[in-house]
Structures are given as structure tokens and as C-alpha cells.
Amino acid sequence: MLDTYTVRQDEMPKEMRLLLAQYPRDSWDAHPGFKEKTKHWLSAHQMFRRLAKRVRMDTETLLDRDIALDDYAGRLSYYGGNLVGNLHGHHG
């Protein structure tokens, strides 16, 4: 029903690759300065994925005509607004 798009086509920026090489992901839990911070930010990214999935699933439900437009609009306002607001906060 929906097309699939590739989101990231370029390599990670050089600075990020250098940091990842110096601090590999499997070492984050043992690092005193990273454990809580990485847990926090990774859980934020999981939340973004859950919210985006909810918006996508609701939109597919609308397109399949299995939800009323008014119900969809309310859900989109709530979940979409939550997603955009949190993304702004995260990247700000």
C-alpha cells in the first residue's frame, strides 16, 4: 500500500564516526559518563519511533476507511503534536 523510502543514504559524519570508534556502543554501559545519558537519549529515540509508528498506523487505518475522519484528526493532533513537540525539544 505504501512505498518504502531510504532515510539515510550518506555515511555518518566524520566526527560522529570518530566518536563511535573511540566509544563503541557496547562500552556505553560501563562508561561512568555515558550510561545514564545514553539510556536517556536512546529511550527518547525509541519513543519517537513508537509515536511515528502510531501516526503511520492511524493514517493507514484512515486510508483503509476503518476510522472516522474526526477520530483520526483527534489522534493525529495528539500523537503528531506529541511527536513534533518532542522532536523540537530533543533537537533544540
C-alpha atoms as a PDB file:
ATOM      1  CA  MET A   1       0.000   0.000   0.000  1.00  0.00           C
ATOM      2  CA  LEU A   2       2.739   2.459   0.924  1.00  0.00           C
ATOM      3  CA  ASP A   3       6.128   2.957  -0.652  1.00  0.00           C
ATOM      4  CA  THR A   4       9.277   2.423   1.371  1.00  0.00           C
ATOM      5  CA  TYR A   5      11.880   5.178   1.413  1.00  0.00           C
ATOM      6  CA  THR A   6      15.521   5.108   2.417  1.00  0.00           C
ATOM      7  CA  VAL A   7      16.060   7.729   5.087  1.00  0.00           C
ATOM      8  CA  ARG A   8      19.848   7.761   5.451  1.00  0.00           C
ATOM      9  CA  GLN A   9      21.872   7.434   2.281  1.00  0.00           C
ATOM     10  CA  ASP A  10      25.080   9.141   3.351  1.00  0.00           C
ATOM     11  CA  GLU A  11      27.646   7.916   5.837  1.00  0.00           C
ATOM     12  CA  MET A  12      27.565   9.167   9.374  1.00  0.00           C
ATOM     13  CA  PRO A  13      29.521  12.453   9.658  1.00  0.00           C
ATOM     14  CA  LYS A  14      33.283  12.028  10.185  1.00  0.00           C
ATOM     15  CA  GLU A  15      33.170  13.457  13.717  1.00  0.00           C
ATOM     16  CA  MET A  16      30.444  11.018  14.731  1.00  0.00           C
ATOM     17  CA  ARG A  17      32.364   8.059  13.251  1.00  0.00           C
ATOM     18  CA  LEU A  18      35.468   9.104  15.218  1.00  0.00           C
ATOM     19  CA  LEU A  19      33.476   9.266  18.462  1.00  0.00           C
ATOM     20  CA  LEU A  20      31.857   5.909  17.768  1.00  0.00           C
ATOM     21  CA  ALA A  21      35.262   4.356  17.082  1.00  0.00           C
ATOM     22  CA  GLN A  22      36.612   5.797  20.342  1.00  0.00           C
ATOM     23  CA  TYR A  23      33.499   4.873  22.358  1.00  0.00           C
ATOM     24  CA  PRO A  24      31.848   1.806  20.766  1.00  0.00           C
ATOM     25  CA  ARG A  25      28.211   1.256  21.650  1.00  0.00           C
ATOM     26  CA  ASP A  26      28.886  -1.928  23.625  1.00  0.00           C
ATOM     27  CA  SER A  27      31.089   0.081  26.039  1.00  0.00           C
ATOM     28  CA  TRP A  28      28.497   2.722  26.933  1.00  0.00           C
ATOM     29  CA  ASP A  29      27.008   0.852  29.892  1.00  0.00           C
ATOM     30  CA  ALA A  30      30.405   0.579  31.587  1.00  0.00           C
ATOM     31  CA  HIS A  31      31.349   4.245  30.985  1.00  0.00           C
ATOM     32  CA  PRO A  32      30.509   6.390  34.042  1.00  0.00           C
ATOM     33  CA  GLY A  33      29.690   9.459  31.958  1.00  0.00           C
ATOM     34  CA  PHE A  34      27.670   7.690  29.271  1.00  0.00           C
ATOM     35  CA  LYS A  35      25.499   5.068  30.979  1.00  0.00           C
ATOM     36  CA  GLU A  36      22.589   7.264  32.095  1.00  0.00           C
ATOM     37  CA  LYS A  37      22.863   9.792  29.251  1.00  0.00           C
ATOM     38  CA  THR A  38      22.838   7.163  26.522  1.00  0.00           C
ATOM     39  CA  LYS A  39      19.987   5.309  28.230  1.00  0.00           C
ATOM     40  CA  HIS A  40      18.003   8.562  28.279  1.00  0.00           C
ATOM     41  CA  TRP A  41      18.656   9.537  24.648  1.00  0.00           C
ATOM     42  CA  LEU A  42      18.193   6.023  23.276  1.00  0.00           C
ATOM     43  CA  SER A  43      14.862   5.760  25.087  1.00  0.00           C
ATOM     44  CA  ALA A  44      13.881   9.135  23.592  1.00  0.00           C
ATOM     45  CA  HIS A  45      14.605   7.760  20.123  1.00  0.00           C
ATOM     46  CA  GLN A  46      12.525   4.679  20.896  1.00  0.00           C
ATOM     47  CA  MET A  47       9.662   6.960  21.900  1.00  0.00           C
ATOM     48  CA  PHE A  48       9.983   8.864  18.591  1.00  0.00           C
ATOM     49  CA  ARG A  49       9.794   5.575  16.701  1.00  0.00           C
ATOM     50  CA  ARG A  50       6.713   4.467  18.666  1.00  0.00           C
ATOM     51  CA  LEU A  51       4.949   7.780  18.044  1.00  0.00           C
ATOM     52  CA  ALA A  52       5.846   7.742  14.343  1.00  0.00           C
ATOM     53  CA  LYS A  53       4.575   4.167  14.059  1.00  0.00           C
ATOM     54  CA  ARG A  54       1.314   5.152  15.775  1.00  0.00           C
ATOM     55  CA  VAL A  55       0.797   8.058  13.336  1.00  0.00           C
ATOM     56  CA  ARG A  56       1.587   5.787  10.362  1.00  0.00           C
ATOM     57  CA  MET A  57      -0.744   3.043  11.575  1.00  0.00           C
ATOM     58  CA  ASP A  58      -3.561   5.520  12.215  1.00  0.00           C
ATOM     59  CA  THR A  59      -3.067   7.002   8.746  1.00  0.00           C
ATOM     60  CA  GLU A  60      -3.197   3.550   7.157  1.00  0.00           C
ATOM     61  CA  THR A  61      -6.372   2.841   9.129  1.00  0.00           C
ATOM     62  CA  LEU A  62      -7.898   6.048   7.784  1.00  0.00           C
ATOM     63  CA  LEU A  63      -6.872   5.194   4.223  1.00  0.00           C
ATOM     64  CA  ASP A  64      -8.483   1.762   4.658  1.00  0.00           C
ATOM     65  CA  ARG A  65     -11.628   3.605   5.811  1.00  0.00           C
ATOM     66  CA  ASP A  66     -11.617   1.822   9.178  1.00  0.00           C
ATOM     67  CA  ILE A  67     -11.671   5.009  11.273  1.00  0.00           C
ATOM     68  CA  ALA A  68     -13.810   8.125  11.059  1.00  0.00           C
ATOM     69  CA  LEU A  69     -12.057  11.272   9.873  1.00  0.00           C
ATOM     70  CA  ASP A  70     -12.945  13.135  13.091  1.00  0.00           C
ATOM     71  CA  ASP A  71     -11.438  10.343  15.210  1.00  0.00           C
ATOM     72  CA  TYR A  72      -8.324  10.317  13.041  1.00  0.00           C
ATOM     73  CA  ALA A  73      -7.969  14.099  13.286  1.00  0.00           C
ATOM     74  CA  GLY A  74      -8.041  13.948  17.081  1.00  0.00           C
ATOM     75  CA  ARG A  75      -5.479  11.148  17.179  1.00  0.00           C
ATOM     76  CA  LEU A  76      -3.227  12.908  14.660  1.00  0.00           C
ATOM     77  CA  SER A  77      -3.410  16.110  16.664  1.00  0.00           C
ATOM     78  CA  TYR A  78      -2.467  14.289  19.864  1.00  0.00           C
ATOM     79  CA  TYR A  79       0.185  11.845  18.630  1.00  0.00           C
ATOM     80  CA  GLY A  80       1.536  14.023  15.800  1.00  0.00           C
ATOM     81  CA  GLY A  81       1.740  17.048  18.072  1.00  0.00           C
ATOM     82  CA  ASN A  82       3.471  14.967  20.714  1.00  0.00           C
ATOM     83  CA  LEU A  83       5.979  13.678  18.151  1.00  0.00           C
ATOM     84  CA  VAL A  84       6.774  17.093  16.661  1.00  0.00           C
ATOM     85  CA  GLY A  85       6.930  18.816  20.050  1.00  0.00           C
ATOM     86  CA  ASN A  86       9.296  16.232  21.474  1.00  0.00           C
ATOM     87  CA  LEU A  87      11.472  16.285  18.363  1.00  0.00           C
ATOM     88  CA  HIS A  88      11.789  20.067  18.631  1.00  0.00           C
ATOM     89  CA  GLY A  89      12.772  19.745  22.266  1.00  0.00           C
ATOM     90  CA  HIS A  90      15.229  16.953  21.524  1.00  0.00           C
ATOM     91  CA  HIS A  91      16.988  18.823  18.733  1.00  0.00           C
ATOM     92  CA  GLY A  92      16.799  22.207  20.435  1.00  0.00           C
END
